[in-house]
């Protein structure tokens, strides 16, 4: 098993001032670090518990659990345990699972048994237990949770070995071959400096399943105040999942099922026209306004505005440069255009 990391999907690549640190904050062994617009995983510490993959809203991290669950054939019982393996057993730490995983498993199996004997386990500091408690009540008829303490997880042995290798490297010097046989490269990174939109097929499947199971899922998404919105389209450009679509004709659509609640659109809206709201039914919100074309610059903007917002910005810049008033700036701009026309 490997942890695949694709930093190009990270919210920080879409918005340089993003403050998201969910992956680093959830890692119980502090293997994930965020620096500027980059997210990094220390492979010498990572034990593949999957905490980062379960909390990241845009799929920067993947252990392949989603693909495995989707490929499973429906059955009577599935057991989730980091201690066991075999038929009808999903061998993973519960840190690697979120609400979407449990919903799809509950749709495939009559009973989902979760081994949550995490007392005394240092990996219990991850998000797994809190996520489990949040969904267990909603799927009470389908889920059985085994709590308490149990035998040490194989992940703990891996953690102990890695700490010995890293912290005690100067005291212990096993042969290089022994190190290679005990510790392998568990992290695979595929990166591009160009932001990549998240693939949310698994999330959409989970929302579909939730409706079939009659389970309420709360959705965070933006709402638009059309009296403020200038339909500039910035929100659609920075959305990391493609949940927002914009048409210059004056149409803005928000697919709440694709929105992951990152609030980038809200933070970057130049007109403060967006707010975050919560709903329970996925759907598409559509906002429309009558648009007009600026005769000076060709910019398309809402007809209800008194002047072109793009030209207004230019005039403000000219005002700062030449310390005049807007009338002077407009006159200055006309003189520039007239001079350019005379030179053609």
Protein backbone atom coordinates (compact mmCIF):
# COMPACT_ATOMS: atom_id res chain seq x y z
CA UNK A 1 0.00 0.00 0.00
CA UNK A 2 1.21 3.49 -0.89
CA UNK A 3 0.08 6.99 -0.09
CA UNK A 4 -0.29 8.87 -3.36
CA UNK A 5 0.10 12.63 -3.05
CA UNK A 6 -0.98 15.17 -5.68
CA UNK A 7 -0.17 18.68 -4.34
CA UNK A 8 -1.55 20.27 -7.54
CA UNK A 9 -5.06 19.73 -6.12
CA UNK A 10 -4.26 21.49 -2.84
CA UNK A 11 -6.41 24.50 -1.96
CA UNK A 12 -3.21 26.49 -1.53
CA UNK A 13 -2.41 26.07 -5.22
CA UNK A 14 -5.78 27.62 -6.06
CA UNK A 15 -5.51 30.45 -3.57
CA UNK A 16 -2.11 31.54 -2.24
CA UNK A 17 -3.58 32.95 0.99
CA UNK A 18 -5.48 29.79 1.88
CA UNK A 19 -5.17 28.91 5.56
CA UNK A 20 -6.20 25.26 5.21
CA UNK A 21 -4.02 22.93 7.31
CA UNK A 22 -6.45 20.03 7.75
CA UNK A 23 -3.93 17.43 6.58
CA UNK A 24 -1.12 18.56 8.89
CA UNK A 25 -3.47 19.05 11.82
CA UNK A 26 -4.99 15.57 11.48
CA UNK A 27 -1.76 13.57 11.10
CA UNK A 28 -1.17 11.77 14.44
CA UNK A 29 2.54 11.22 13.72
CA UNK A 30 3.24 14.72 12.34
CA UNK A 31 4.37 13.38 8.97
CA UNK A 32 2.55 16.05 6.96
CA UNK A 33 3.83 19.60 6.76
CA UNK A 34 2.49 22.67 4.97
CA UNK A 35 4.92 25.31 3.75
CA UNK A 36 3.59 28.23 1.77
CA UNK A 37 1.71 26.80 -1.20
CA UNK A 38 3.22 23.31 -0.87
CA UNK A 39 2.23 20.27 1.17
CA UNK A 40 4.89 17.68 1.96
CA UNK A 41 4.88 14.21 3.53
CA UNK A 42 7.87 12.89 5.46
CA UNK A 43 8.03 9.28 4.23
CA UNK A 44 10.46 8.33 7.01
CA UNK A 45 7.70 9.01 9.56
CA UNK A 46 4.46 8.21 7.67
CA UNK A 47 2.80 4.95 8.77
CA UNK A 48 -0.03 5.00 6.18
CA UNK A 49 -2.85 5.52 8.69
CA UNK A 50 -4.69 7.58 6.05
CA UNK A 51 -5.76 10.47 8.31
CA UNK A 52 -4.69 13.04 5.73
CA UNK A 53 -6.67 11.33 2.97
CA UNK A 54 -9.91 11.23 4.98
CA UNK A 55 -10.00 14.94 5.87
CA UNK A 56 -8.65 16.54 2.67
CA UNK A 57 -11.69 17.95 0.81
CA UNK A 58 -10.03 17.95 -2.61
CA UNK A 59 -8.27 14.57 -2.70
CA UNK A 60 -4.62 15.59 -2.43
CA UNK A 61 -3.94 12.26 -0.65
CA UNK A 62 -5.10 8.78 -1.61
CA UNK A 63 -4.48 5.30 -0.19
CA UNK A 64 -6.67 3.65 -2.83
CA UNK A 65 -9.44 2.93 -0.31
CA UNK A 66 -12.09 4.57 -2.50
CA UNK A 67 -11.26 2.40 -5.50
CA UNK A 68 -11.26 -0.70 -3.30
CA UNK A 69 -14.67 0.06 -1.80
CA UNK A 70 -16.26 0.81 -5.18
CA UNK A 71 -14.96 -2.53 -6.54
CA UNK A 72 -16.45 -4.56 -3.66
CA UNK A 73 -19.36 -6.84 -4.43
CA UNK A 74 -22.44 -6.43 -2.19
CA UNK A 75 -22.61 -8.88 0.71
CA UNK A 76 -23.89 -9.61 4.18
CA UNK A 77 -21.11 -8.29 6.44
CA UNK A 78 -17.95 -6.26 6.06
CA UNK A 79 -15.45 -5.87 8.89
CA UNK A 80 -13.16 -2.85 9.16
CA UNK A 81 -10.02 -3.52 11.16
CA UNK A 82 -6.34 -2.56 11.17
CA UNK A 83 -5.54 -5.87 12.93
CA UNK A 84 -7.22 -8.39 10.62
CA UNK A 85 -7.13 -9.34 6.96
CA UNK A 86 -8.91 -11.78 4.73
CA UNK A 87 -12.24 -12.15 2.98
CA UNK A 88 -14.87 -9.53 3.85
CA UNK A 89 -12.30 -7.52 5.81
CA UNK A 90 -11.26 -3.98 4.94
CA UNK A 91 -7.77 -3.86 6.46
CA UNK A 92 -7.18 -0.22 7.27
CA UNK A 93 -6.93 2.18 10.17
CA UNK A 94 -10.25 3.94 10.78
CA UNK A 95 -8.37 7.23 10.33
CA UNK A 96 -8.47 6.53 6.59
CA UNK A 97 -12.28 6.54 6.49
CA UNK A 98 -14.70 9.46 6.39
CA UNK A 99 -18.47 9.80 6.14
CA UNK A 100 -18.49 9.02 2.41
CA UNK A 101 -16.71 5.68 2.93
CA UNK A 102 -19.16 4.53 5.60
CA UNK A 103 -22.19 5.54 3.52
CA UNK A 104 -21.10 3.55 0.47
CA UNK A 105 -20.14 0.53 2.59
CA UNK A 106 -23.56 0.65 4.27
CA UNK A 107 -25.21 0.60 0.85
CA UNK A 108 -23.25 -2.50 -0.20
CA UNK A 109 -23.46 -4.57 2.99
CA UNK A 110 -26.23 -5.44 5.44
CA UNK A 111 -23.87 -4.98 8.40
CA UNK A 112 -20.71 -2.90 8.79
CA UNK A 113 -18.62 -3.96 11.81
CA UNK A 114 -15.98 -1.41 12.81
CA UNK A 115 -13.06 -2.40 15.02
CA UNK A 116 -12.59 0.79 17.06
CA UNK A 117 -10.54 -0.72 19.91
CA UNK A 118 -8.28 2.30 19.87
CA UNK A 119 -7.69 2.88 23.59
CA UNK A 120 -4.00 3.46 24.18
CA UNK A 121 -3.19 3.69 20.47
CA UNK A 122 -1.21 6.86 19.60
CA UNK A 123 -2.96 6.95 16.22
CA UNK A 124 -6.24 7.60 18.07
CA UNK A 125 -5.23 11.27 18.00
CA UNK A 126 -6.27 11.27 14.34
CA UNK A 127 -9.78 12.14 13.06
CA UNK A 128 -11.05 8.56 12.72
CA UNK A 129 -12.89 8.19 16.04
CA UNK A 130 -14.65 11.56 15.79
CA UNK A 131 -15.79 10.84 12.21
CA UNK A 132 -17.01 7.39 13.25
CA UNK A 133 -19.06 8.77 16.13
CA UNK A 134 -20.62 11.33 13.81
CA UNK A 135 -21.89 8.75 11.30
CA UNK A 136 -22.56 5.77 13.61
CA UNK A 137 -25.80 7.29 14.89
CA UNK A 138 -27.10 7.96 11.39
CA UNK A 139 -26.36 4.37 10.32
CA UNK A 140 -27.29 2.70 13.63
CA UNK A 141 -29.31 -0.06 11.96
CA UNK A 142 -26.41 -0.93 9.67
CA UNK A 143 -23.33 -0.40 11.85
CA UNK A 144 -21.79 -2.20 14.80
CA UNK A 145 -18.88 -0.48 16.56
CA UNK A 146 -16.53 -2.51 18.76
CA UNK A 147 -14.91 -0.23 21.33
CA UNK A 148 -12.28 -0.64 24.03
CA UNK A 149 -8.70 -1.84 23.76
CA UNK A 150 -7.21 -4.64 21.71
CA UNK A 151 -3.98 -6.14 20.51
CA UNK A 152 -1.44 -3.68 19.06
CA UNK A 153 -2.06 -2.67 15.46
CA UNK A 154 0.58 -3.56 12.84
CA UNK A 155 0.73 0.19 12.21
CA UNK A 156 2.14 0.63 15.72
CA UNK A 157 4.96 -1.78 14.98
CA UNK A 158 5.67 0.21 11.82
CA UNK A 159 5.61 3.44 13.84
CA UNK A 160 7.98 2.03 16.47
CA UNK A 161 10.40 0.83 13.81
CA UNK A 162 10.40 4.17 11.99
CA UNK A 163 10.98 6.14 15.16
CA UNK A 164 13.87 3.85 16.03
CA UNK A 165 15.34 4.32 12.57
CA UNK A 166 14.94 8.12 12.59
CA UNK A 167 15.58 9.05 16.22
CA UNK A 168 18.14 6.36 16.97
CA UNK A 169 20.09 6.45 13.74
CA UNK A 170 23.28 7.50 15.51
CA UNK A 171 22.97 4.77 18.14
CA UNK A 172 21.83 1.87 15.97
CA UNK A 173 23.58 1.01 12.72
CA UNK A 174 21.97 -2.07 11.13
CA UNK A 175 23.21 -3.21 7.73
CA UNK A 176 21.83 -1.25 4.79
CA UNK A 177 20.08 -4.37 3.50
CA UNK A 178 18.21 -4.75 6.79
CA UNK A 179 16.98 -1.16 6.59
CA UNK A 180 15.77 -1.68 3.03
CA UNK A 181 13.87 -4.82 3.99
CA UNK A 182 12.13 -3.19 6.96
CA UNK A 183 11.42 0.30 5.65
CA UNK A 184 10.31 1.02 2.09
CA UNK A 185 9.23 4.20 0.34
CA UNK A 186 5.52 4.49 1.25
CA UNK A 187 4.84 7.85 -0.41
CA UNK A 188 4.43 8.51 -4.13
CA UNK A 189 4.24 12.15 -5.23
CA UNK A 190 2.87 13.41 -8.55
CA UNK A 191 3.08 17.16 -8.77
CA UNK A 192 2.44 19.94 -11.25
CA UNK A 193 2.71 23.65 -10.66
CA UNK A 194 -0.60 24.09 -12.49
CA UNK A 195 -3.63 23.69 -10.17
CA UNK A 196 -5.71 20.60 -10.86
CA UNK A 197 -9.42 20.33 -10.17
CA UNK A 198 -10.44 17.67 -7.68
CA UNK A 199 -12.16 14.47 -8.78
CA UNK A 200 -15.26 14.12 -6.66
CA UNK A 201 -16.87 11.01 -8.16
CA UNK A 202 -16.72 9.21 -4.81
CA UNK A 203 -18.39 12.13 -3.02
CA UNK A 204 -21.21 12.26 -5.57
CA UNK A 205 -21.75 8.53 -5.18
CA UNK A 206 -21.92 8.93 -1.38
CA UNK A 207 -24.57 11.68 -1.68
CA UNK A 208 -26.61 9.45 -3.98
CA UNK A 209 -26.36 6.61 -1.46
CA UNK A 210 -27.31 8.92 1.43
CA UNK A 211 -30.64 9.70 -0.25
CA UNK A 212 -31.30 6.00 -0.79
CA UNK A 213 -30.52 5.25 2.88
CA UNK A 214 -32.60 8.24 4.04
CA UNK A 215 -29.55 9.76 5.74
CA UNK A 216 -29.32 13.53 6.07
CA UNK A 217 -26.02 15.03 4.90
CA UNK A 218 -25.32 18.69 5.61
CA UNK A 219 -23.83 20.61 2.69
CA UNK A 220 -21.84 23.83 3.03
CA UNK A 221 -21.92 26.03 -0.06
CA UNK A 222 -21.99 29.70 -1.13
CA UNK A 223 -25.07 31.76 -1.79
CA UNK A 224 -25.01 34.90 -3.97
CA UNK A 225 -26.47 38.35 -3.30
CA UNK A 226 -27.36 39.41 -6.85
CA UNK A 227 -27.76 43.04 -5.78
CA UNK A 228 -23.99 43.12 -5.14
CA UNK A 229 -22.68 40.59 -7.65
CA UNK A 230 -21.15 42.02 -10.83
CA UNK A 231 -20.92 38.59 -12.47
CA UNK A 232 -17.18 38.93 -12.98
CA UNK A 233 -16.68 35.13 -12.92
CA UNK A 234 -13.75 35.12 -10.47
CA UNK A 235 -15.55 32.63 -8.22
CA UNK A 236 -15.81 30.09 -11.05
CA UNK A 237 -12.13 30.49 -11.87
CA UNK A 238 -10.90 29.72 -8.34
CA UNK A 239 -13.31 26.88 -7.50
CA UNK A 240 -11.13 23.75 -6.99
CA UNK A 241 -13.94 21.31 -7.83
CA UNK A 242 -15.73 23.04 -10.70
CA UNK A 243 -18.87 23.50 -8.58
CA UNK A 244 -19.37 27.03 -9.95
CA UNK A 245 -20.11 27.73 -13.61
CA UNK A 246 -20.24 31.18 -15.14
CA UNK A 247 -21.62 32.45 -18.45
CA UNK A 248 -20.95 35.98 -19.68
CA UNK A 249 -24.60 36.30 -20.63
CA UNK A 250 -25.27 36.82 -16.92
CA UNK A 251 -25.75 33.30 -15.57
CA UNK A 252 -24.03 31.90 -12.48
CA UNK A 253 -24.65 28.31 -11.39
CA UNK A 254 -23.56 26.63 -8.14
CA UNK A 255 -23.82 22.84 -7.90
CA UNK A 256 -24.06 22.26 -4.13
CA UNK A 257 -23.27 18.55 -4.48
CA UNK A 258 -19.83 19.40 -5.93
CA UNK A 259 -19.03 22.15 -3.41
CA UNK A 260 -16.63 21.09 -0.63
CA UNK A 261 -17.11 24.23 1.47
CA UNK A 262 -13.57 25.58 1.06
CA UNK A 263 -14.96 29.17 0.87
CA UNK A 264 -12.30 30.31 -1.62
CA UNK A 265 -14.98 31.96 -3.76
CA UNK A 266 -16.27 33.89 -0.75
CA UNK A 267 -12.83 35.15 0.24
CA UNK A 268 -11.92 36.21 -3.30
CA UNK A 269 -15.22 37.85 -4.31
CA UNK A 270 -14.28 41.50 -4.98
CA UNK A 271 -17.85 42.66 -4.28
CA UNK A 272 -18.45 40.68 -1.05
CA UNK A 273 -21.49 39.23 -2.76
CA UNK A 274 -21.13 35.65 -1.49
CA UNK A 275 -21.84 34.07 1.89
CA UNK A 276 -21.60 30.49 3.12
CA UNK A 277 -24.85 28.73 3.92
CA UNK A 278 -25.91 25.20 4.84
CA UNK A 279 -28.49 22.97 3.19
CA UNK A 280 -29.55 19.33 3.27
CA UNK A 281 -30.70 18.74 -0.29
CA UNK A 282 -28.11 18.84 -3.10
CA UNK A 283 -29.07 20.81 -6.16
CA UNK A 284 -28.06 23.55 -8.60
CA UNK A 285 -28.56 27.19 -7.63
CA UNK A 286 -28.90 29.53 -10.60
CA UNK A 287 -28.51 33.29 -10.50
CA UNK A 288 -29.19 35.55 -13.48
CA UNK A 289 -29.00 39.27 -14.29
CA UNK A 290 -29.53 41.41 -17.37
CA UNK A 291 -26.11 42.28 -18.81
CA UNK A 292 -24.77 45.05 -21.04
CA UNK A 293 -21.51 45.67 -22.94
CA UNK A 294 -19.26 48.63 -22.12
CA UNK A 295 -18.79 50.69 -25.34
CA UNK A 296 -15.31 51.76 -24.21
CA UNK A 297 -13.62 48.52 -23.15
CA UNK A 298 -16.04 45.80 -24.26
CA UNK A 299 -16.45 44.41 -20.73
CA UNK A 300 -19.78 42.67 -20.04
CA UNK A 301 -21.39 43.76 -16.77
CA UNK A 302 -24.86 43.97 -15.09
CA UNK A 303 -27.07 46.56 -16.78
CA UNK A 304 -28.28 47.83 -13.38
CA UNK A 305 -24.83 49.25 -12.57
CA UNK A 306 -24.34 52.93 -13.27
CA UNK A 307 -20.96 52.43 -14.93
CA UNK A 308 -18.60 49.72 -16.10
CA UNK A 309 -16.79 48.23 -13.06
CA UNK A 310 -13.66 47.59 -15.12
CA UNK A 311 -13.42 51.19 -16.27
CA UNK A 312 -14.13 52.32 -12.70
CA UNK A 313 -11.09 50.41 -11.52
CA UNK A 314 -8.95 51.95 -14.27
CA UNK A 315 -10.15 55.41 -13.31
CA UNK A 316 -9.28 54.78 -9.67
CA UNK A 317 -5.78 53.75 -10.70
CA UNK A 318 -5.40 56.88 -12.81
CA UNK A 319 -6.64 58.93 -9.87
CA UNK A 320 -3.93 57.47 -7.65
CA UNK A 321 -1.26 58.07 -10.29
CA UNK A 322 -2.14 61.62 -11.31
CA UNK A 323 -3.79 62.77 -8.05
CA UNK A 324 -6.67 64.26 -9.95
CA UNK A 325 -10.41 63.76 -9.64
CA UNK A 326 -12.40 61.18 -11.64
CA UNK A 327 -13.41 63.83 -14.18
CA UNK A 328 -9.78 64.79 -14.82
CA UNK A 329 -8.86 61.10 -15.15
CA UNK A 330 -11.63 60.48 -17.65
CA UNK A 331 -10.52 63.53 -19.64
CA UNK A 332 -6.92 62.34 -19.47
CA UNK A 333 -7.97 58.92 -20.76
CA UNK A 334 -9.80 60.51 -23.69
CA UNK A 335 -6.69 62.50 -24.61
CA UNK A 336 -4.62 59.27 -24.58
CA UNK A 337 -7.13 57.47 -26.84
CA UNK A 338 -7.27 60.45 -29.23
CA UNK A 339 -3.48 60.51 -29.51
CA UNK A 340 -3.40 56.76 -30.18
CA UNK A 341 -6.06 57.15 -32.90
CA UNK A 342 -4.07 59.93 -34.57
CA UNK A 343 -0.99 57.71 -34.79
CA UNK A 344 -2.70 54.89 -36.70
